[in-house]
Protein backbone atom coordinates (compact mmCIF):
# COMPACT_ATOMS: atom_id res chain seq x y z
CA MET A 1 101.38 1.94 82.78
CA ALA A 2 98.64 3.22 80.42
CA ILE A 3 96.99 0.80 78.04
CA GLN A 4 97.24 1.89 74.42
CA ALA A 5 94.19 0.88 72.37
CA THR A 6 94.25 0.74 68.60
CA TYR A 7 91.24 2.14 66.78
CA GLY A 8 89.31 -0.41 64.76
CA GLN A 9 90.67 -3.46 66.58
CA PRO A 10 88.12 -5.98 67.90
CA GLY A 11 87.37 -5.63 71.59
CA HIS A 12 88.58 -2.02 71.89
CA TYR A 13 85.93 0.48 72.92
CA ASN A 14 85.82 4.20 73.67
CA VAL A 15 88.74 4.83 71.37
CA THR A 16 88.86 8.08 69.38
CA PRO A 17 88.75 7.45 65.63
CA PRO A 18 91.34 9.05 63.38
CA THR A 19 90.60 12.49 61.97
CA ARG A 20 89.94 13.28 58.33
CA SER A 21 92.84 14.37 56.18
CA ASP A 22 91.75 18.01 56.67
CA GLY A 23 92.05 17.59 60.46
CA ASP A 24 88.32 17.53 61.29
CA PRO A 25 87.98 15.46 64.49
CA SER A 26 84.28 14.77 63.80
CA GLY A 27 84.18 11.27 65.22
CA PHE A 28 82.92 9.88 61.93
CA GLU A 29 84.77 7.43 59.73
CA PHE A 30 85.35 8.37 56.10
CA ASP A 31 86.28 6.34 53.04
CA SER A 32 89.11 7.32 50.66
CA LYS A 33 86.73 9.68 48.78
CA GLY A 34 85.60 11.55 51.91
CA ASN A 35 82.17 9.88 52.19
CA VAL A 36 80.90 9.10 55.68
CA ILE A 37 80.92 5.37 56.38
CA THR A 38 77.58 4.40 57.91
CA ASN A 39 77.31 1.10 59.69
CA LEU A 40 74.63 -0.68 61.66
CA GLY A 41 75.77 0.95 64.90
CA VAL A 42 75.34 4.45 63.47
CA ALA A 43 71.97 3.57 61.95
CA LEU A 44 70.73 2.19 65.28
CA ALA A 45 72.06 5.19 67.18
CA LEU A 46 70.14 7.53 64.87
CA LEU A 47 67.00 5.43 65.20
CA LEU A 48 67.19 5.33 69.00
CA SER A 49 67.93 9.04 69.28
CA GLY A 50 64.63 9.91 67.61
CA VAL A 51 65.83 10.85 64.14
CA GLU A 52 63.03 8.66 62.74
CA THR A 53 60.19 10.79 64.15
CA ASP A 54 59.51 12.29 60.74
CA THR A 55 59.08 8.83 59.20
CA ILE A 56 55.62 7.33 59.52
CA GLY A 57 55.56 3.80 60.82
CA VAL A 58 59.15 3.55 62.05
CA SER A 59 59.77 2.63 65.66
CA PRO A 60 56.55 4.07 67.13
CA PHE A 61 57.58 3.17 70.68
CA ARG A 62 60.27 5.88 70.50
CA ARG A 63 57.93 8.61 69.32
CA SER A 64 56.77 11.26 71.76
CA ASP A 65 53.22 10.84 70.38
CA ALA A 66 53.20 7.04 70.68
CA PHE A 67 50.57 5.05 72.57
CA GLN A 68 49.92 1.48 73.60
CA ALA A 69 46.35 0.56 74.49
CA SER A 70 44.86 -2.70 75.68
CA ILE A 71 41.35 -3.91 76.38
CA ASN A 72 39.90 -7.23 77.52
CA PHE A 73 36.18 -7.83 77.01
CA ALA A 74 33.43 -10.39 76.50
CA ALA A 75 30.68 -8.51 74.68
CA ASN A 76 29.20 -8.18 71.21
CA THR A 77 29.09 -4.38 71.30
CA ALA A 78 31.87 -2.00 70.28
CA GLN A 79 34.46 -1.51 73.03
CA THR A 80 36.74 1.56 73.10
CA VAL A 81 40.41 0.68 72.66
CA GLN A 82 41.86 4.20 72.22
CA ALA A 83 39.92 7.36 73.07
CA ALA A 84 39.34 10.06 70.48
CA THR A 85 41.56 13.13 70.46
CA VAL A 86 40.39 16.49 69.20
CA ALA A 87 41.65 17.23 65.68
CA LYS A 88 44.17 14.38 65.76
CA SER A 89 44.22 11.07 63.89
CA ILE A 90 45.14 7.70 65.39
CA TYR A 91 47.76 5.75 63.41
CA ILE A 92 47.89 2.01 64.16
CA THR A 93 51.17 0.20 63.49
CA ASP A 94 50.71 -3.05 65.41
CA VAL A 95 47.78 -5.08 66.71
CA VAL A 96 47.60 -8.25 68.79
CA ILE A 97 44.18 -9.87 69.14
CA SER A 98 43.51 -13.03 71.11
CA SER A 99 40.49 -15.14 71.94
CA ASP A 100 40.13 -17.75 74.68
CA GLY A 101 38.15 -19.96 72.29
CA GLY A 102 34.91 -19.75 74.27
CA ALA A 103 32.97 -19.51 71.00
CA ALA A 104 33.65 -19.05 67.32
CA CYS A 105 33.66 -15.35 66.51
CA ASN A 106 35.19 -12.60 64.44
CA VAL A 107 36.77 -9.38 65.64
CA LEU A 108 37.22 -6.12 63.76
CA LEU A 109 38.50 -2.63 64.52
CA GLN A 110 36.34 0.39 63.72
CA ASP A 111 36.00 4.07 64.48
CA ASN A 112 32.95 5.75 65.98
CA ALA A 113 31.80 7.86 63.05
CA GLY A 114 27.97 8.00 62.66
CA THR A 115 28.08 4.80 60.64
CA PRO A 116 31.30 3.18 61.88
CA ASN A 117 34.14 2.93 59.38
CA VAL A 118 35.95 -0.40 59.42
CA ILE A 119 39.64 0.21 60.15
CA MET A 120 40.70 -3.45 60.10
CA ASN A 121 38.39 -6.08 58.65
CA LYS A 122 37.23 -9.22 60.44
CA ILE A 123 39.67 -11.72 61.90
CA TYR A 124 38.00 -15.09 62.44
CA PHE A 125 38.63 -17.14 65.59
CA PRO A 126 37.65 -20.83 65.84
CA ASN A 127 35.51 -22.39 68.56
CA THR A 128 37.24 -24.07 71.56
CA THR A 129 40.75 -23.07 70.47
CA ALA A 130 42.61 -20.23 72.16
CA THR A 131 44.16 -18.21 69.32
CA THR A 132 46.36 -15.13 69.04
CA VAL A 133 46.93 -13.03 65.93
CA ASN A 134 49.87 -10.58 65.67
CA LEU A 135 49.72 -7.95 62.92
CA HIS A 136 52.20 -5.28 61.88
CA PHE A 137 51.20 -2.65 59.32
CA SER A 138 54.06 -1.25 57.23
CA VAL A 139 51.63 1.46 56.19
CA PRO A 140 49.72 2.37 59.36
CA LYS A 141 45.94 2.02 59.55
CA VAL A 142 44.38 5.44 60.17
CA VAL A 143 41.42 6.50 62.29
CA VAL A 144 40.11 9.85 61.04
CA ALA A 145 40.79 12.87 63.27
CA GLY A 146 38.44 13.21 66.22
CA ASN A 147 37.24 9.57 66.21
CA LEU A 148 37.98 6.85 68.73
CA LEU A 149 39.25 3.35 67.96
CA ALA A 150 36.96 0.49 68.98
CA ALA A 151 36.99 -3.32 68.79
CA LEU A 152 33.85 -5.27 67.96
CA CYS A 153 33.34 -9.02 68.47
CA SER A 154 30.50 -10.95 66.81
CA SER A 155 29.80 -12.98 69.96
CA ALA A 156 29.46 -12.11 73.65
CA THR A 157 30.84 -15.49 74.80
CA PRO A 158 34.62 -15.51 74.22
CA ASN A 159 37.05 -13.37 76.18
CA ILE A 160 38.80 -11.11 73.68
CA THR A 161 41.99 -9.15 74.28
CA VAL A 162 43.08 -6.39 71.90
CA ASP A 163 46.46 -4.67 72.20
CA VAL A 164 47.20 -1.77 69.86
CA VAL A 165 50.43 0.18 69.33
CA GLY A 166 50.66 3.35 67.27
CA TYR A 167 50.80 7.11 67.53
CA VAL A 168 48.45 10.11 67.50
CA ILE A 169 49.15 13.18 65.35
């Protein structure tokens, strides 16, 4: 005996939705005026399928040009986080910076232009307290085309970890 599922009933999956009044079996749901009904499932499906790739700052981990870079260092000189790419800019959407609390310090992100441009200003870390800072930028921070992204700590004593997520275009 075949099981008959009813479209739109809770717990029923893989059921074909009804067609529009004109017979179009598009798989979309329509309201009484013929407008497509968009729900969270449809929005997520579009997001996961890569429709957002033309929107800056949305779901960078799904972009073909996305990157994730991480560096751990104990130095007071600039340390490369993401290498430069010829004629492409680095867009930073998320940053996680942590310190083991070995010494009070501040950390900033900069590029490598002749006189470095500050990409993200100083974040201060206290002495003797391990601290982590998570940042998300709705409007991505931008490293000018052809420059690398570096992290700089004011002290050589603490162990600093910098994780950066973004994309290069």
